[in-house]
């Protein structure tokens, strides 16, 4: 913020989105849902977007307070809006902000849409910036996103079962948009809940508002202190999740994604395709093989899972960063529904989360994952580009059985081991991922893989 993300650039991008919508829906009354998170100036950016859209005679449904991304997606579908604009940088550091565009399906826009908006930006860059001082109030309507969303998810989770199981849940709202959403739905269903960080802080308590183990240290201690059975966290815009077990141990998102898939197909008898991004655990592959489910692989980015969801190709999809897609829900990631599904899974089994994980590993084998980020520079970009064109035949003494290049370069090895290098879509970093069955093999993979670009 203050460098690339400025009010002038926001006006330009919103005007470009307006131009795109007017071309896509010629002669039609257009409406857009505008939402924002708890970051510094997000509310001001949202109001600026409402100004620009209103001067284009586009009806704006403006959120009356910060709200989770999935609550906005629900409003797009409910109100049959032509799009949604959300001011959020999701789990990125406090000094970042972003503008997210959702289509009329409620799903995040695919590149074929954002490419068109970028072309509109290029046209506008040579013109005087559009800067209306006042909104056209007849085109701006404030709306409450909370109640509709909570009523919607009420029927998606077996709250009676959770309540009867007497599970006590701790929630870490991470100063974000899930305040009075995640805690509220639990309280309304008389489920014992303890909460932390349920207030707005644009600096997110001095941390990055992501559900990483490092950022959930307070939740881990809080679960132990309050003797809770489960800890659930959501990121700044509420669409990603983090989980802590009854012992205060952080459970990586990859494992939760796999646990939930196994629960849905084994206990709820869901049948159909499943999807994962290239950076997501191959435990998904093992579950798919066991239950003979079609498996789809996508680049990193929930929009690709949402596309499969909208095409009715999948019943479930997951990304290692803490995103899931579930059938009969929304084409948008939802950290609230993910955390509640974990509680339902525990209530169904009657087991602690740690016991459930042990049983899961007996069923599918243990997998260990690792991720590291290194700065992206011109030399590393060149090496990565060369690797994609000329992938190695071996890594860490193991034969490369398959190479995937849909997002960076992924090297598949025997026994579901793998290594991935890809550029971050939001920061100047190269993301490095590896997965294996032992720490020794995992460290060897990561070391050898990093050498390819270092």
Protein backbone atom coordinates (compact mmCIF):
# COMPACT_ATOMS: atom_id res chain seq x y z
CA UNK A 1 0.00 0.00 0.00
CA UNK A 2 1.24 3.46 -0.92
CA UNK A 3 3.51 2.08 -3.65
CA UNK A 4 1.70 -0.07 -6.24
CA UNK A 5 -1.56 -0.20 -4.32
CA UNK A 6 -2.79 3.42 -4.39
CA UNK A 7 -6.18 5.12 -4.64
CA UNK A 8 -5.40 6.16 -8.21
CA UNK A 9 -4.60 2.59 -9.21
CA UNK A 10 -7.69 1.29 -7.38
CA UNK A 11 -9.89 3.74 -9.34
CA UNK A 12 -8.28 2.61 -12.58
CA UNK A 13 -8.74 -1.10 -11.91
CA UNK A 14 -12.34 -0.64 -10.76
CA UNK A 15 -13.09 1.41 -13.87
CA UNK A 16 -11.49 -1.32 -15.97
CA UNK A 17 -13.72 -3.90 -14.24
CA UNK A 18 -16.74 -1.68 -14.94
CA UNK A 19 -15.77 -1.46 -18.62
CA UNK A 20 -15.38 -5.24 -18.77
CA UNK A 21 -18.82 -5.78 -17.20
CA UNK A 22 -20.53 -3.29 -19.52
CA UNK A 23 -19.07 -5.11 -22.54
CA UNK A 24 -19.98 -8.55 -21.17
CA UNK A 25 -23.55 -7.56 -20.27
CA UNK A 26 -24.54 -4.96 -22.90
CA UNK A 27 -27.87 -3.25 -22.29
CA UNK A 28 -28.37 -5.05 -18.98
CA UNK A 29 -28.73 -3.50 -15.53
CA UNK A 30 -25.50 -4.44 -13.80
CA UNK A 31 -24.97 -4.92 -10.08
CA UNK A 32 -21.77 -5.64 -8.14
CA UNK A 33 -21.18 -6.72 -4.53
CA UNK A 34 -18.35 -4.70 -2.95
CA UNK A 35 -16.72 -6.11 0.18
CA UNK A 36 -13.54 -5.56 2.21
CA UNK A 37 -11.41 -7.04 5.02
CA UNK A 38 -10.00 -5.49 8.21
CA UNK A 39 -6.80 -4.10 6.69
CA UNK A 40 -5.74 -0.49 6.93
CA UNK A 41 -7.85 1.58 4.46
CA UNK A 42 -9.76 -1.41 3.08
CA UNK A 43 -13.09 0.25 3.93
CA UNK A 44 -11.96 3.46 2.19
CA UNK A 45 -10.90 1.52 -0.91
CA UNK A 46 -14.30 -0.19 -0.97
CA UNK A 47 -16.08 3.15 -0.78
CA UNK A 48 -13.87 4.46 -3.59
CA UNK A 49 -14.88 1.46 -5.69
CA UNK A 50 -18.54 2.21 -4.95
CA UNK A 51 -18.01 5.79 -6.18
CA UNK A 52 -16.50 4.68 -9.47
CA UNK A 53 -19.09 1.98 -10.11
CA UNK A 54 -21.99 4.31 -9.26
CA UNK A 55 -20.76 6.87 -11.82
CA UNK A 56 -20.92 4.03 -14.36
CA UNK A 57 -24.58 3.54 -13.37
CA UNK A 58 -23.73 0.15 -11.91
CA UNK A 59 -25.75 -0.75 -8.83
CA UNK A 60 -23.46 -1.34 -5.85
CA UNK A 61 -24.35 -3.56 -2.92
CA UNK A 62 -21.77 -2.31 -0.43
CA UNK A 63 -21.01 -4.43 2.65
CA UNK A 64 -21.96 -2.60 5.84
CA UNK A 65 -18.85 -3.99 7.58
CA UNK A 66 -15.87 -6.18 6.76
CA UNK A 67 -16.96 -9.69 5.83
CA UNK A 68 -15.47 -13.04 4.80
CA UNK A 69 -14.92 -13.65 1.09
CA UNK A 70 -17.36 -16.55 1.08
CA UNK A 71 -20.15 -14.37 2.52
CA UNK A 72 -19.66 -12.07 -0.46
CA UNK A 73 -19.77 -15.04 -2.87
CA UNK A 74 -23.11 -16.06 -1.38
CA UNK A 75 -24.52 -12.56 -1.98
CA UNK A 76 -23.39 -12.59 -5.61
CA UNK A 77 -25.37 -15.78 -6.16
CA UNK A 78 -28.38 -14.74 -4.06
CA UNK A 79 -28.75 -11.30 -5.68
CA UNK A 80 -27.83 -12.54 -9.18
CA UNK A 81 -25.12 -9.88 -9.35
CA UNK A 82 -22.80 -9.69 -12.35
CA UNK A 83 -19.67 -9.61 -10.22
CA UNK A 84 -17.99 -8.92 -6.91
CA UNK A 85 -15.04 -6.77 -5.86
CA UNK A 86 -13.33 -7.55 -2.58
CA UNK A 87 -10.53 -5.50 -1.03
CA UNK A 88 -8.29 -8.00 0.71
CA UNK A 89 -4.74 -9.32 0.59
CA UNK A 90 -5.98 -12.50 2.28
CA UNK A 91 -3.12 -14.04 4.30
CA UNK A 92 -0.39 -11.64 3.12
CA UNK A 93 1.41 -9.22 5.50
CA UNK A 94 -0.37 -6.08 6.84
CA UNK A 95 1.41 -3.72 4.46
CA UNK A 96 -0.21 -5.41 1.45
CA UNK A 97 -3.68 -5.00 0.05
CA UNK A 98 -5.36 -6.41 -3.01
CA UNK A 99 -8.42 -6.27 -5.22
CA UNK A 100 -10.13 -9.57 -5.88
CA UNK A 101 -12.71 -9.95 -8.65
CA UNK A 102 -15.41 -12.64 -8.56
CA UNK A 103 -17.63 -13.45 -11.53
CA UNK A 104 -21.42 -13.77 -11.63
CA UNK A 105 -21.06 -17.42 -10.54
CA UNK A 106 -19.61 -16.27 -7.21
CA UNK A 107 -16.28 -17.89 -8.07
CA UNK A 108 -12.88 -16.18 -8.28
CA UNK A 109 -12.20 -15.00 -11.82
CA UNK A 110 -10.10 -17.22 -14.05
CA UNK A 111 -7.20 -15.75 -16.11
CA UNK A 112 -9.45 -15.52 -19.18
CA UNK A 113 -11.47 -12.90 -17.26
CA UNK A 114 -8.65 -11.08 -15.48
CA UNK A 115 -6.73 -10.87 -18.77
CA UNK A 116 -9.65 -8.92 -20.26
CA UNK A 117 -9.74 -6.58 -17.25
CA UNK A 118 -5.99 -6.04 -17.61
CA UNK A 119 -6.49 -5.06 -21.26
CA UNK A 120 -9.04 -2.48 -20.12
CA UNK A 121 -6.45 -1.17 -17.64
CA UNK A 122 -3.91 -0.76 -20.44
CA UNK A 123 -6.41 1.35 -22.38
CA UNK A 124 -7.11 3.53 -19.32
CA UNK A 125 -3.45 4.09 -18.45
CA UNK A 126 -3.13 6.63 -21.27
CA UNK A 127 -6.18 8.58 -20.13
CA UNK A 128 -6.83 11.01 -17.30
CA UNK A 129 -7.64 9.06 -14.10
CA UNK A 130 -11.34 8.79 -13.38
CA UNK A 131 -11.89 10.35 -9.96
CA UNK A 132 -15.49 11.19 -8.97
CA UNK A 133 -15.62 13.02 -5.66
CA UNK A 134 -19.10 11.96 -4.62
CA UNK A 135 -20.92 8.69 -5.26
CA UNK A 136 -24.24 8.65 -7.08
CA UNK A 137 -26.18 7.57 -4.01
CA UNK A 138 -29.13 6.17 -5.96
CA UNK A 139 -26.77 3.42 -7.19
CA UNK A 140 -25.27 2.53 -3.78
CA UNK A 141 -27.03 0.30 -1.23
CA UNK A 142 -25.47 -0.95 2.00
CA UNK A 143 -26.23 -4.57 2.89
CA UNK A 144 -25.62 -6.99 5.77
CA UNK A 145 -23.71 -10.08 4.64
CA UNK A 146 -23.60 -11.84 8.00
CA UNK A 147 -27.14 -13.09 8.62
CA UNK A 148 -27.70 -14.56 5.15
CA UNK A 149 -24.40 -16.45 5.28
CA UNK A 150 -24.96 -17.85 8.79
CA UNK A 151 -28.47 -18.97 7.85
CA UNK A 152 -27.04 -20.62 4.73
CA UNK A 153 -24.37 -22.68 6.50
CA UNK A 154 -26.75 -23.68 9.30
CA UNK A 155 -28.01 -26.52 7.12
CA UNK A 156 -24.55 -27.55 5.90
CA UNK A 157 -23.21 -28.83 9.26
CA UNK A 158 -24.70 -31.28 11.79
CA UNK A 159 -24.63 -28.87 14.74
CA UNK A 160 -26.90 -31.15 16.80
CA UNK A 161 -24.30 -33.91 16.60
CA UNK A 162 -21.48 -31.52 17.58
CA UNK A 163 -23.48 -30.20 20.53
CA UNK A 164 -24.35 -33.70 21.77
CA UNK A 165 -20.68 -34.72 21.56
CA UNK A 166 -19.88 -31.94 24.10
CA UNK A 167 -16.88 -30.79 22.11
CA UNK A 168 -15.41 -27.56 23.44
CA UNK A 169 -13.95 -25.42 20.67
CA UNK A 170 -11.42 -22.58 20.77
CA UNK A 171 -11.45 -20.12 17.86
CA UNK A 172 -8.71 -17.71 16.83
CA UNK A 173 -10.28 -15.04 14.63
CA UNK A 174 -6.88 -13.44 13.90
CA UNK A 175 -8.34 -9.90 13.99
CA UNK A 176 -10.09 -10.70 10.71
CA UNK A 177 -13.49 -10.88 9.09
CA UNK A 178 -14.69 -14.08 10.81
CA UNK A 179 -15.53 -12.11 13.96
CA UNK A 180 -19.21 -12.67 14.78
CA UNK A 181 -19.34 -15.34 12.07
CA UNK A 182 -17.46 -18.43 13.30
CA UNK A 183 -17.95 -17.68 16.99
CA UNK A 184 -21.56 -16.57 16.41
CA UNK A 185 -22.68 -19.75 14.64
CA UNK A 186 -21.22 -21.90 17.41
CA UNK A 187 -22.84 -19.81 20.14
CA UNK A 188 -26.21 -19.86 18.36
CA UNK A 189 -26.06 -23.66 18.38
CA UNK A 190 -25.12 -23.83 22.11
CA UNK A 191 -21.69 -25.30 21.38
CA UNK A 192 -19.11 -24.32 24.03
CA UNK A 193 -16.67 -21.87 22.45
CA UNK A 194 -13.73 -19.81 23.67
CA UNK A 195 -12.31 -17.07 21.43
CA UNK A 196 -9.22 -14.93 21.02
CA UNK A 197 -8.37 -11.99 18.75
CA UNK A 198 -12.02 -11.24 18.02
CA UNK A 199 -11.52 -7.55 17.35
CA UNK A 200 -10.16 -5.37 14.54
CA UNK A 201 -6.44 -4.65 14.40
CA UNK A 202 -5.13 -3.55 10.95
CA UNK A 203 -1.64 -4.68 12.05
CA UNK A 204 -2.94 -8.14 13.00
CA UNK A 205 -1.16 -8.15 16.34
CA UNK A 206 2.20 -7.72 14.61
CA UNK A 207 1.96 -10.97 12.64
CA UNK A 208 0.95 -12.00 9.14
CA UNK A 209 -2.76 -12.96 9.25
CA UNK A 210 -2.21 -16.48 7.93
CA UNK A 211 -3.05 -19.73 9.69
CA UNK A 212 0.54 -20.95 9.97
CA UNK A 213 1.88 -22.75 13.02
CA UNK A 214 4.01 -19.74 13.95
CA UNK A 215 1.03 -17.40 13.86
CA UNK A 216 -1.18 -19.74 15.90
CA UNK A 217 1.14 -20.05 18.92
CA UNK A 218 -1.37 -18.23 21.10
CA UNK A 219 -4.16 -20.55 19.95
CA UNK A 220 -2.04 -23.60 20.80
CA UNK A 221 -1.49 -22.33 24.34
CA UNK A 222 -5.11 -21.22 24.62
CA UNK A 223 -6.42 -24.69 23.72
CA UNK A 224 -4.29 -26.26 26.46
CA UNK A 225 -5.15 -23.58 29.01
CA UNK A 226 -8.92 -23.78 28.42
CA UNK A 227 -8.86 -27.59 28.04
CA UNK A 228 -10.55 -27.42 24.63
CA UNK A 229 -10.94 -30.41 22.33
CA UNK A 230 -10.28 -28.48 19.12
CA UNK A 231 -8.83 -25.16 17.99
CA UNK A 232 -9.98 -23.50 14.75
CA UNK A 233 -8.48 -20.40 13.13
CA UNK A 234 -9.33 -18.41 10.01
CA UNK A 235 -7.19 -15.91 8.09
CA UNK A 236 -7.85 -12.19 7.45
CA UNK A 237 -10.66 -12.69 4.94
CA UNK A 238 -11.99 -15.90 6.51
CA UNK A 239 -11.48 -18.20 3.55
CA UNK A 240 -8.51 -20.22 4.84
CA UNK A 241 -8.29 -22.34 7.99
CA UNK A 242 -5.90 -23.59 10.63
CA UNK A 243 -6.46 -26.42 13.13
CA UNK A 244 -5.01 -27.28 16.55
CA UNK A 245 -5.72 -30.63 18.25
CA UNK A 246 -6.69 -31.26 21.88
CA UNK A 247 -3.02 -31.35 22.94
CA UNK A 248 -2.32 -27.94 21.44
CA UNK A 249 -0.49 -29.39 18.45
CA UNK A 250 -0.78 -27.58 15.13
CA UNK A 251 -2.08 -29.89 12.38
CA UNK A 252 -0.88 -28.97 8.91
CA UNK A 253 -3.57 -28.04 6.40
CA UNK A 254 -2.54 -30.81 3.99
CA UNK A 255 -3.42 -33.41 6.60
CA UNK A 256 -6.76 -31.79 7.48
CA UNK A 257 -7.69 -31.66 3.78
CA UNK A 258 -6.95 -35.38 3.47
CA UNK A 259 -8.76 -36.25 6.73
CA UNK A 260 -11.89 -34.42 5.60
CA UNK A 261 -11.90 -36.16 2.22
CA UNK A 262 -11.61 -39.56 3.90
CA UNK A 263 -14.45 -38.61 6.27
CA UNK A 264 -16.76 -37.46 3.48
CA UNK A 265 -16.25 -40.54 1.29
CA UNK A 266 -16.09 -43.18 4.06
CA UNK A 267 -18.70 -41.85 6.49
CA UNK A 268 -21.01 -39.81 4.23
CA UNK A 269 -20.55 -42.03 1.16
CA UNK A 270 -19.82 -39.15 -1.19
CA UNK A 271 -18.94 -40.30 -4.70
CA UNK A 272 -17.41 -38.30 -7.53
CA UNK A 273 -14.29 -36.55 -8.68
CA UNK A 274 -11.76 -35.00 -6.33
CA UNK A 275 -9.13 -32.38 -7.07
CA UNK A 276 -5.91 -31.04 -5.63
CA UNK A 277 -3.41 -28.42 -6.66
CA UNK A 278 0.11 -29.48 -7.64
CA UNK A 279 1.34 -28.29 -4.22
CA UNK A 280 -1.11 -30.41 -2.22
CA UNK A 281 -0.41 -33.72 -0.48
CA UNK A 282 -0.52 -36.98 -2.43
CA UNK A 283 -2.57 -38.44 0.41
CA UNK A 284 -5.44 -37.18 -1.76
CA UNK A 285 -4.18 -39.51 -4.51
CA UNK A 286 -4.09 -42.46 -2.12
CA UNK A 287 -7.67 -41.83 -0.98
CA UNK A 288 -8.81 -41.43 -4.58
CA UNK A 289 -7.16 -44.74 -5.53
CA UNK A 290 -8.69 -46.54 -2.54
CA UNK A 291 -12.24 -45.41 -3.35
CA UNK A 292 -11.82 -45.36 -7.14
CA UNK A 293 -12.50 -41.62 -7.42
CA UNK A 294 -11.47 -39.60 -10.50
CA UNK A 295 -8.55 -37.30 -9.62
CA UNK A 296 -7.94 -33.84 -11.12
CA UNK A 297 -4.72 -31.85 -10.73
CA UNK A 298 -4.68 -28.06 -11.01
CA UNK A 299 -2.26 -25.15 -10.82
CA UNK A 300 -2.11 -23.39 -7.44
CA UNK A 301 -5.10 -21.05 -7.12
CA UNK A 302 -8.56 -21.84 -5.82
CA UNK A 303 -10.11 -20.45 -9.02
CA UNK A 304 -9.07 -23.66 -10.79
CA UNK A 305 -10.79 -25.84 -8.18
CA UNK A 306 -13.85 -23.57 -8.39
CA UNK A 307 -13.94 -24.06 -12.16
CA UNK A 308 -14.07 -27.84 -11.73
CA UNK A 309 -16.72 -27.41 -9.03
CA UNK A 310 -18.91 -25.27 -11.31
CA UNK A 311 -18.55 -27.84 -14.08
CA UNK A 312 -19.78 -30.46 -11.57
CA UNK A 313 -16.64 -32.53 -12.08
CA UNK A 314 -15.72 -32.73 -8.40
CA UNK A 315 -17.35 -33.30 -5.04
CA UNK A 316 -14.28 -32.10 -3.15
CA UNK A 317 -11.05 -30.24 -3.77
CA UNK A 318 -8.20 -28.95 -1.65
CA UNK A 319 -5.13 -26.73 -1.62
CA UNK A 320 -2.22 -26.96 0.80
CA UNK A 321 -2.63 -23.29 1.83
CA UNK A 322 -5.83 -24.17 3.67
CA UNK A 323 -8.56 -24.07 1.01
CA UNK A 324 -11.31 -26.58 0.32
CA UNK A 325 -14.18 -26.87 -2.14
CA UNK A 326 -17.12 -29.06 -1.13
CA UNK A 327 -20.18 -30.08 -3.13
CA UNK A 328 -23.50 -28.30 -2.59
CA UNK A 329 -21.74 -25.31 -1.04
CA UNK A 330 -20.10 -22.27 -2.70
CA UNK A 331 -17.58 -21.87 -5.54
CA UNK A 332 -15.35 -20.00 -3.10
CA UNK A 333 -12.95 -21.20 -0.43
CA UNK A 334 -14.42 -21.18 3.07
CA UNK A 335 -12.29 -21.47 6.21
CA UNK A 336 -15.36 -21.36 8.45
CA UNK A 337 -17.05 -24.38 6.86
CA UNK A 338 -13.71 -26.26 6.88
CA UNK A 339 -13.25 -25.79 10.62
CA UNK A 340 -16.85 -26.77 11.33
CA UNK A 341 -16.47 -29.92 9.22
CA UNK A 342 -13.49 -30.93 11.38
CA UNK A 343 -15.71 -30.56 14.47
CA UNK A 344 -18.44 -32.63 12.79
CA UNK A 345 -15.90 -35.29 11.83
CA UNK A 346 -14.72 -35.54 15.45
CA UNK A 347 -18.31 -35.70 16.74
CA UNK A 348 -19.12 -38.50 14.27
CA UNK A 349 -16.11 -40.63 15.22
CA UNK A 350 -16.21 -39.89 18.96
CA UNK A 351 -12.40 -39.76 18.81
CA UNK A 352 -9.92 -37.02 19.63
CA UNK A 353 -8.29 -35.45 16.62
CA UNK A 354 -4.88 -36.92 17.50
CA UNK A 355 -6.39 -40.44 17.69
CA UNK A 356 -8.15 -39.90 14.38
CA UNK A 357 -4.87 -38.86 12.76
CA UNK A 358 -3.09 -41.98 14.07
CA UNK A 359 -5.85 -44.18 12.65
CA UNK A 360 -5.66 -42.33 9.35
CA UNK A 361 -1.89 -42.96 9.06
CA UNK A 362 -2.45 -46.67 9.74
CA UNK A 363 -4.90 -46.68 6.86
CA UNK A 364 -2.92 -44.64 4.30
CA UNK A 365 0.67 -44.41 5.54
CA UNK A 366 2.41 -41.39 7.01
CA UNK A 367 3.41 -38.52 4.76
CA UNK A 368 5.57 -35.55 5.76
CA UNK A 369 5.62 -32.28 3.86
CA UNK A 370 7.90 -29.26 3.87
CA UNK A 371 7.71 -25.81 2.32
CA UNK A 372 10.28 -23.06 1.96
CA UNK A 373 10.32 -19.71 0.17
CA UNK A 374 13.40 -18.11 -1.35
CA UNK A 375 13.70 -14.62 -2.91
CA UNK A 376 13.02 -14.46 -6.64
CA UNK A 377 15.65 -12.69 -8.73
CA UNK A 378 16.55 -12.64 -12.42
CA UNK A 379 19.16 -15.40 -12.12
CA UNK A 380 16.78 -17.75 -10.29
CA UNK A 381 13.98 -16.98 -12.73
CA UNK A 382 16.29 -17.92 -15.61
CA UNK A 383 17.28 -21.20 -13.91
CA UNK A 384 13.65 -22.04 -13.21
CA UNK A 385 12.69 -21.37 -16.83
CA UNK A 386 15.53 -23.63 -18.01
CA UNK A 387 14.45 -26.39 -15.61
CA UNK A 388 10.92 -26.30 -16.97
CA UNK A 389 12.28 -26.74 -20.51
CA UNK A 390 14.89 -29.35 -19.50
CA UNK A 391 13.75 -31.24 -16.36
CA UNK A 392 16.27 -33.50 -14.59
CA UNK A 393 16.03 -37.29 -14.88
CA UNK A 394 16.92 -37.79 -11.21
CA UNK A 395 16.55 -35.98 -7.89
CA UNK A 396 18.26 -36.94 -4.63
CA UNK A 397 19.33 -40.24 -6.21
CA UNK A 398 15.76 -41.18 -7.20
CA UNK A 399 14.40 -41.51 -10.71
CA UNK A 400 11.94 -38.83 -11.82
CA UNK A 401 8.90 -40.81 -12.96
CA UNK A 402 6.82 -37.87 -14.14
CA UNK A 403 7.21 -34.13 -14.67
CA UNK A 404 4.34 -31.65 -14.37
CA UNK A 405 4.67 -28.07 -15.62
CA UNK A 406 1.15 -26.68 -15.20
CA UNK A 407 2.50 -24.41 -12.44
CA UNK A 408 6.28 -24.20 -12.19
CA UNK A 409 7.93 -27.62 -12.29
CA UNK A 410 6.96 -30.65 -10.24
CA UNK A 411 9.04 -33.83 -10.14
CA UNK A 412 7.10 -36.98 -9.21
CA UNK A 413 9.16 -39.82 -7.73
CA UNK A 414 8.37 -43.33 -6.47
CA UNK A 415 6.12 -43.99 -3.44
CA UNK A 416 4.24 -40.68 -3.95
CA UNK A 417 7.35 -38.62 -3.15
CA UNK A 418 7.61 -35.30 -5.01
CA UNK A 419 9.30 -31.91 -5.24
CA UNK A 420 7.88 -28.65 -6.65
CA UNK A 421 9.28 -25.23 -7.57
CA UNK A 422 6.91 -22.42 -8.54
CA UNK A 423 6.77 -18.63 -8.49
CA UNK A 424 4.46 -17.09 -5.92
CA UNK A 425 1.54 -15.31 -7.50
CA UNK A 426 1.46 -12.60 -4.83
CA UNK A 427 5.06 -11.96 -3.69
CA UNK A 428 8.54 -11.89 -5.34
CA UNK A 429 9.36 -15.40 -4.09
CA UNK A 430 9.98 -18.90 -5.36
CA UNK A 431 7.92 -21.43 -3.41
CA UNK A 432 9.61 -24.78 -2.81
CA UNK A 433 7.62 -27.84 -1.69
CA UNK A 434 8.51 -31.46 -0.98
CA UNK A 435 6.73 -34.53 0.41
CA UNK A 436 8.05 -37.92 1.48
CA UNK A 437 7.53 -40.71 3.97
CA UNK A 438 10.44 -39.87 6.29
CA UNK A 439 12.24 -36.77 7.51
CA UNK A 440 15.55 -38.04 6.12
CA UNK A 441 14.20 -38.47 2.59
CA UNK A 442 12.26 -35.22 2.86
CA UNK A 443 15.33 -33.19 3.81
CA UNK A 444 17.31 -34.85 1.02
CA UNK A 445 14.61 -33.93 -1.51
CA UNK A 446 14.43 -30.33 -0.33
CA UNK A 447 18.21 -29.89 -0.33
CA UNK A 448 18.66 -31.39 -3.81
CA UNK A 449 15.68 -29.49 -5.18
CA UNK A 450 16.86 -26.12 -3.88
CA UNK A 451 20.24 -26.70 -5.48
CA UNK A 452 18.53 -26.66 -8.86
CA UNK A 453 17.86 -22.92 -8.58
CA UNK A 454 20.44 -21.75 -6.03
